[in-house]
C-alpha atoms as a PDB file:
ATOM      1  CA  UNK A   1     -11.052   2.283  19.841  1.00  0.00           C
ATOM      2  CA  UNK A   2     -14.171   2.257  17.974  1.00  0.00           C
ATOM      3  CA  UNK A   3     -15.775   5.471  18.325  1.00  0.00           C
ATOM      4  CA  UNK A   4     -12.036   6.298  16.496  1.00  0.00           C
ATOM      5  CA  UNK A   5     -12.735   4.380  13.594  1.00  0.00           C
ATOM      6  CA  UNK A   6     -17.008   6.161  13.082  1.00  0.00           C
ATOM      7  CA  UNK A   7     -15.063   9.269  13.140  1.00  0.00           C
ATOM      8  CA  UNK A   8     -12.344   7.891  10.493  1.00  0.00           C
ATOM      9  CA  UNK A   9     -15.148   6.527   8.415  1.00  0.00           C
ATOM     10  CA  UNK A  10     -17.552  10.033   8.244  1.00  0.00           C
ATOM     11  CA  UNK A  11     -13.792  12.057   7.921  1.00  0.00           C
ATOM     12  CA  UNK A  12     -13.362   9.529   4.689  1.00  0.00           C
ATOM     13  CA  UNK A  13     -16.952   9.443   3.318  1.00  0.00           C
ATOM     14  CA  UNK A  14     -16.440  13.421   3.795  1.00  0.00           C
ATOM     15  CA  UNK A  15     -13.261  13.443   1.618  1.00  0.00           C
ATOM     16  CA  UNK A  16     -14.057  10.329  -1.296  1.00  0.00           C
ATOM     17  CA  UNK A  17     -17.155  13.870  -2.288  1.00  0.00           C
ATOM     18  CA  UNK A  18     -14.506  16.241  -2.047  1.00  0.00           C
ATOM     19  CA  UNK A  19     -11.677  14.940  -3.905  1.00  0.00           C
ATOM     20  CA  UNK A  20     -10.689  13.147  -7.082  1.00  0.00           C
ATOM     21  CA  UNK A  21      -8.308  11.894  -8.921  1.00  0.00           C
ATOM     22  CA  UNK A  22      -5.392   9.924  -7.393  1.00  0.00           C
ATOM     23  CA  UNK A  23      -5.823  11.255  -4.255  1.00  0.00           C
ATOM     24  CA  UNK A  24      -9.241   9.160  -4.380  1.00  0.00           C
ATOM     25  CA  UNK A  25      -7.351   6.749  -5.385  1.00  0.00           C
ATOM     26  CA  UNK A  26      -5.564   6.334  -2.531  1.00  0.00           C
ATOM     27  CA  UNK A  27      -8.802   7.507  -0.093  1.00  0.00           C
ATOM     28  CA  UNK A  28     -10.613   4.577  -1.663  1.00  0.00           C
ATOM     29  CA  UNK A  29      -8.264   2.108  -0.570  1.00  0.00           C
ATOM     30  CA  UNK A  30      -8.184   3.812   2.204  1.00  0.00           C
ATOM     31  CA  UNK A  31     -11.691   3.867   3.477  1.00  0.00           C
ATOM     32  CA  UNK A  32     -11.123  -0.203   2.329  1.00  0.00           C
ATOM     33  CA  UNK A  33      -8.886  -0.709   4.732  1.00  0.00           C
ATOM     34  CA  UNK A  34     -10.294   0.970   7.900  1.00  0.00           C
ATOM     35  CA  UNK A  35     -13.839  -0.942   6.920  1.00  0.00           C
ATOM     36  CA  UNK A  36     -11.947  -4.071   6.634  1.00  0.00           C
ATOM     37  CA  UNK A  37     -10.160  -2.960  10.682  1.00  0.00           C
ATOM     38  CA  UNK A  38     -13.650  -2.480  11.633  1.00  0.00           C
ATOM     39  CA  UNK A  39     -14.835  -6.039  10.431  1.00  0.00           C
ATOM     40  CA  UNK A  40     -16.897  -4.618   8.487  1.00  0.00           C
ATOM     41  CA  UNK A  41     -15.997  -7.374   5.791  1.00  0.00           C
ATOM     42  CA  UNK A  42     -18.593  -7.331   3.289  1.00  0.00           C
ATOM     43  CA  UNK A  43     -18.799  -3.521   2.720  1.00  0.00           C
ATOM     44  CA  UNK A  44     -14.824  -3.639   2.747  1.00  0.00           C
ATOM     45  CA  UNK A  45     -14.690  -5.692  -0.151  1.00  0.00           C
ATOM     46  CA  UNK A  46     -16.891  -3.803  -2.336  1.00  0.00           C
ATOM     47  CA  UNK A  47     -14.238  -1.000  -1.804  1.00  0.00           C
ATOM     48  CA  UNK A  48     -11.785  -3.160  -2.236  1.00  0.00           C
ATOM     49  CA  UNK A  49     -12.992  -4.227  -5.678  1.00  0.00           C
ATOM     50  CA  UNK A  50     -13.497   0.058  -6.317  1.00  0.00           C
ATOM     51  CA  UNK A  51      -9.252   0.428  -5.421  1.00  0.00           C
ATOM     52  CA  UNK A  52      -8.542  -2.570  -7.648  1.00  0.00           C
ATOM     53  CA  UNK A  53      -9.766  -0.766 -11.340  1.00  0.00           C
ATOM     54  CA  UNK A  54      -8.105   2.240  -9.683  1.00  0.00           C
ATOM     55  CA  UNK A  55      -5.241   2.107  -7.962  1.00  0.00           C
ATOM     56  CA  UNK A  56      -4.164  -1.832  -8.925  1.00  0.00           C
ATOM     57  CA  UNK A  57      -0.788  -1.162  -9.217  1.00  0.00           C
ATOM     58  CA  UNK A  58      -0.373  -0.149  -6.052  1.00  0.00           C
ATOM     59  CA  UNK A  59       1.653  -2.677  -2.858  1.00  0.00           C
ATOM     60  CA  UNK A  60      -0.982  -1.642  -0.241  1.00  0.00           C
ATOM     61  CA  UNK A  61      -3.528  -2.080  -2.254  1.00  0.00           C
ATOM     62  CA  UNK A  62      -2.575  -6.235  -2.936  1.00  0.00           C
ATOM     63  CA  UNK A  63      -1.082  -6.662   0.577  1.00  0.00           C
ATOM     64  CA  UNK A  64      -4.949  -4.817   2.259  1.00  0.00           C
ATOM     65  CA  UNK A  65      -6.487  -7.071  -0.887  1.00  0.00           C
ATOM     66  CA  UNK A  66      -4.634 -10.585   0.502  1.00  0.00           C
ATOM     67  CA  UNK A  67      -5.643  -9.789   4.063  1.00  0.00           C
ATOM     68  CA  UNK A  68      -8.924  -9.515   3.429  1.00  0.00           C
ATOM     69  CA  UNK A  69      -9.127 -12.250   1.698  1.00  0.00           C
ATOM     70  CA  UNK A  70      -7.649 -15.048   4.147  1.00  0.00           C
ATOM     71  CA  UNK A  71      -9.958 -12.962   6.743  1.00  0.00           C
ATOM     72  CA  UNK A  72     -12.886 -16.166   7.695  1.00  0.00           C
ATOM     73  CA  UNK A  73     -15.470 -14.187   6.027  1.00  0.00           C
ATOM     74  CA  UNK A  74     -14.265 -15.014   3.461  1.00  0.00           C
ATOM     75  CA  UNK A  75     -11.093 -17.146   3.008  1.00  0.00           C
ATOM     76  CA  UNK A  76      -9.914 -17.098  -0.589  1.00  0.00           C
ATOM     77  CA  UNK A  77      -6.385 -18.757   0.202  1.00  0.00           C
ATOM     78  CA  UNK A  78      -5.646 -18.956  -3.339  1.00  0.00           C
ATOM     79  CA  UNK A  79      -7.012 -15.209  -4.353  1.00  0.00           C
ATOM     80  CA  UNK A  80      -5.213 -14.555  -1.373  1.00  0.00           C
ATOM     81  CA  UNK A  81      -1.449 -16.088  -1.927  1.00  0.00           C
ATOM     82  CA  UNK A  82      -2.066 -13.955  -5.710  1.00  0.00           C
ATOM     83  CA  UNK A  83      -2.650 -11.120  -4.370  1.00  0.00           C
ATOM     84  CA  UNK A  84       0.605 -11.538  -2.273  1.00  0.00           C
ATOM     85  CA  UNK A  85       2.558 -12.642  -4.706  1.00  0.00           C
ATOM     86  CA  UNK A  86       1.767  -8.899  -6.347  1.00  0.00           C
ATOM     87  CA  UNK A  87       2.645  -7.080  -3.826  1.00  0.00           C
ATOM     88  CA  UNK A  88       5.691  -8.470  -3.308  1.00  0.00           C
ATOM     89  CA  UNK A  89       6.020  -8.321  -7.522  1.00  0.00           C
ATOM     90  CA  UNK A  90       5.449  -5.206  -7.225  1.00  0.00           C
ATOM     91  CA  UNK A  91       7.448  -4.333  -4.425  1.00  0.00           C
ATOM     92  CA  UNK A  92       9.512  -6.668  -3.309  1.00  0.00           C
ATOM     93  CA  UNK A  93      10.422  -6.070   0.324  1.00  0.00           C
ATOM     94  CA  UNK A  94       7.190  -5.696   1.324  1.00  0.00           C
ATOM     95  CA  UNK A  95       8.511  -7.399   4.377  1.00  0.00           C
ATOM     96  CA  UNK A  96       5.116  -7.852   5.933  1.00  0.00           C
ATOM     97  CA  UNK A  97       3.743  -8.955   2.546  1.00  0.00           C
ATOM     98  CA  UNK A  98       6.648 -11.698   2.441  1.00  0.00           C
ATOM     99  CA  UNK A  99       5.424 -12.379   6.486  1.00  0.00           C
ATOM    100  CA  UNK A 100       1.298 -12.738   5.621  1.00  0.00           C
ATOM    101  CA  UNK A 101       2.270 -15.267   2.092  1.00  0.00           C
ATOM    102  CA  UNK A 102       4.780 -17.614   4.877  1.00  0.00           C
ATOM    103  CA  UNK A 103       1.345 -17.896   7.211  1.00  0.00           C
ATOM    104  CA  UNK A 104      -0.711 -18.111   4.185  1.00  0.00           C
ATOM    105  CA  UNK A 105       1.494 -21.582   3.999  1.00  0.00           C
ATOM    106  CA  UNK A 106       2.468 -22.449   7.668  1.00  0.00           C
ATOM    107  CA  UNK A 107      -0.843 -22.878   7.712  1.00  0.00           C
ATOM    108  CA  UNK A 108      -1.466 -25.202   4.598  1.00  0.00           C
ATOM    109  CA  UNK A 109      -3.550 -22.719   2.740  1.00  0.00           C
ATOM    110  CA  UNK A 110      -0.577 -21.638   0.190  1.00  0.00           C
ATOM    111  CA  UNK A 111      -0.658 -23.276  -2.756  1.00  0.00           C
ATOM    112  CA  UNK A 112       2.516 -25.137  -5.215  1.00  0.00           C
ATOM    113  CA  UNK A 113       5.634 -25.494  -3.806  1.00  0.00           C
ATOM    114  CA  UNK A 114       6.804 -21.671  -2.784  1.00  0.00           C
ATOM    115  CA  UNK A 115      10.378 -20.310  -3.307  1.00  0.00           C
ATOM    116  CA  UNK A 116      12.884 -22.130  -1.336  1.00  0.00           C
ATOM    117  CA  UNK A 117      16.123 -20.736  -0.266  1.00  0.00           C
ATOM    118  CA  UNK A 118      19.398 -21.641  -2.121  1.00  0.00           C
ATOM    119  CA  UNK A 119      21.989 -22.999  -0.520  1.00  0.00           C
END
């Protein structure tokens, strides 16, 4: 799979040079996520910081950025929690984000009480 990731990285880099606007924002965020999958966390963080400026209303940005913040490379659990909460605020039905936020609390890394079900 590393070979496929490398090919995808080359494709993303060539697309970034050609396109602009909204598509570039999505490509940038996708590239940041690809770098995350390749465990190139420092480079991934650079692209997520760019995505924060151009695509911060996208719930997937907040989800993927939260995952990056939780890696052993960063251990920014409070920042991950805020990012997951923003993702859920933008898209309340984002089930993957609900799961990751719950796991953050389950592992004892979440701050505050979290939301409890009534009843």
